[in-house]
C-alpha atoms as a PDB file:
ATOM      1  CA  MET A   1       8.042 125.012  49.992  1.00  0.00           C
ATOM      2  CA  LEU A   2       6.310 125.276  53.366  1.00  0.00           C
ATOM      3  CA  LEU A   3       5.460 121.812  55.801  1.00  0.00           C
ATOM      4  CA  ASN A   4       5.313 121.039  59.130  1.00  0.00           C
ATOM      5  CA  GLY A   5       8.179 120.837  61.134  1.00  0.00           C
ATOM      6  CA  GLN A   6       7.638 117.385  62.414  1.00  0.00           C
ATOM      7  CA  TRP A   7       6.242 113.974  61.765  1.00  0.00           C
ATOM      8  CA  ARG A   8       4.693 111.987  64.146  1.00  0.00           C
ATOM      9  CA  ARG A   9       2.776 108.443  64.108  1.00  0.00           C
ATOM     10  CA  GLN A  10      -0.869 109.145  65.072  1.00  0.00           C
ATOM     11  CA  GLY A  11      -1.268 107.494  68.862  1.00  0.00           C
ATOM     12  CA  GLU A  12       2.792 108.741  69.906  1.00  0.00           C
ATOM     13  CA  PRO A  13       2.948 109.404  72.974  1.00  0.00           C
ATOM     14  CA  GLY A  14       3.209 113.685  72.640  1.00  0.00           C
ATOM     15  CA  GLY A  15      -0.421 114.895  73.936  1.00  0.00           C
ATOM     16  CA  GLY A  16      -2.844 116.193  71.791  1.00  0.00           C
ATOM     17  CA  ALA A  17      -3.172 116.124  67.728  1.00  0.00           C
ATOM     18  CA  ALA A  18      -0.640 114.662  65.562  1.00  0.00           C
ATOM     19  CA  PRO A  19       1.084 117.323  63.656  1.00  0.00           C
ATOM     20  CA  ASP A  20       0.691 115.342  60.653  1.00  0.00           C
ATOM     21  CA  VAL A  21      -0.233 111.931  59.610  1.00  0.00           C
ATOM     22  CA  VAL A  22      -0.676 112.045  56.240  1.00  0.00           C
ATOM     23  CA  LEU A  23       2.742 113.741  54.744  1.00  0.00           C
ATOM     24  CA  ASP A  24       6.555 112.509  55.426  1.00  0.00           C
ATOM     25  CA  VAL A  25       7.921 116.021  56.023  1.00  0.00           C
ATOM     26  CA  GLU A  26      11.216 114.541  55.316  1.00  0.00           C
ATOM     27  CA  GLN A  27      10.515 112.478  52.443  1.00  0.00           C
ATOM     28  CA  ILE A  28       9.825 116.466  51.257  1.00  0.00           C
ATOM     29  CA  ILE A  29      12.513 117.901  52.290  1.00  0.00           C
ATOM     30  CA  ASP A  30      14.868 115.608  50.443  1.00  0.00           C
ATOM     31  CA  ARG A  31      13.034 115.592  47.411  1.00  0.00           C
ATOM     32  CA  SER A  32      12.425 119.368  46.501  1.00  0.00           C
ATOM     33  CA  GLN A  33      15.527 119.120  45.335  1.00  0.00           C
ATOM     34  CA  TYR A  34      14.409 117.815  42.473  1.00  0.00           C
ATOM     35  CA  LEU A  35      11.672 120.509  41.682  1.00  0.00           C
ATOM     36  CA  GLY A  36      14.309 123.020  40.483  1.00  0.00           C
ATOM     37  CA  ASP A  37      16.949 125.999  41.261  1.00  0.00           C
ATOM     38  CA  ASP A  38      14.989 128.256  42.940  1.00  0.00           C
ATOM     39  CA  VAL A  39      12.987 126.192  45.761  1.00  0.00           C
ATOM     40  CA  THR A  40      12.826 127.822  49.482  1.00  0.00           C
ATOM     41  CA  VAL A  41      11.791 125.367  52.073  1.00  0.00           C
ATOM     42  CA  ARG A  42      10.460 126.949  55.303  1.00  0.00           C
ATOM     43  CA  GLN A  43       9.196 124.916  57.700  1.00  0.00           C
ATOM     44  CA  ILE A  44       6.483 125.457  60.500  1.00  0.00           C
ATOM     45  CA  PRO A  45       6.788 123.813  64.188  1.00  0.00           C
ATOM     46  CA  GLU A  46       4.303 121.946  64.607  1.00  0.00           C
ATOM     47  CA  GLY A  47       1.542 123.104  61.652  1.00  0.00           C
ATOM     48  CA  VAL A  48      -0.420 120.776  60.262  1.00  0.00           C
ATOM     49  CA  HIS A  49      -1.177 119.077  57.021  1.00  0.00           C
ATOM     50  CA  ASP A  50      -2.712 121.977  55.242  1.00  0.00           C
ATOM     51  CA  LEU A  51      -1.287 125.080  56.878  1.00  0.00           C
ATOM     52  CA  ALA A  52      -3.128 127.643  55.151  1.00  0.00           C
ATOM     53  CA  LEU A  53      -6.753 126.384  56.476  1.00  0.00           C
ATOM     54  CA  SER A  54      -5.223 125.855  59.693  1.00  0.00           C
ATOM     55  CA  GLY A  55      -6.277 128.941  62.007  1.00  0.00           C
ATOM     56  CA  ARG A  56      -3.247 128.684  64.643  1.00  0.00           C
ATOM     57  CA  TRP A  57      -0.502 128.634  62.376  1.00  0.00           C
ATOM     58  CA  ARG A  58      -2.723 130.122  59.004  1.00  0.00           C
ATOM     59  CA  ALA A  59      -0.654 133.760  60.115  1.00  0.00           C
ATOM     60  CA  GLU A  60       2.782 132.352  60.316  1.00  0.00           C
ATOM     61  CA  TYR A  61       2.534 130.919  56.544  1.00  0.00           C
ATOM     62  CA  LEU A  62       0.787 133.263  55.297  1.00  0.00           C
ATOM     63  CA  GLN A  63       3.507 135.826  56.427  1.00  0.00           C
ATOM     64  CA  ALA A  64       5.803 133.066  54.782  1.00  0.00           C
ATOM     65  CA  VAL A  65       4.758 133.180  51.504  1.00  0.00           C
ATOM     66  CA  MET A  66       4.391 137.267  51.472  1.00  0.00           C
ATOM     67  CA  ARG A  67       7.541 137.503  52.002  1.00  0.00           C
ATOM     68  CA  TRP A  68       8.364 134.809  49.913  1.00  0.00           C
ATOM     69  CA  LEU A  69       6.546 136.121  47.159  1.00  0.00           C
ATOM     70  CA  ASP A  70       7.912 140.494  47.390  1.00  0.00           C
ATOM     71  CA  ASN A  71      11.340 138.755  47.565  1.00  0.00           C
ATOM     72  CA  ARG A  72      11.277 137.513  44.024  1.00  0.00           C
ATOM     73  CA  LEU A  73       8.681 140.489  42.564  1.00  0.00           C
ATOM     74  CA  HIS A  74      10.746 143.228  43.425  1.00  0.00           C
END
């Protein structure tokens, strides 16, 4: 499970666009324990809602996914 590293309401101070106004990261982390015995939570600080489509964070996301797959398949 990859997700952004912080949550801010739209319009809060901090400059620029809010990293994510759609997902509650803390809630996702808390509930990830119910997904099963083999769950990896990897946060990407300041990431946005869809990391796979986010230019700035895409490389970090894909690297984390590939590393996870490599660890599981070998």
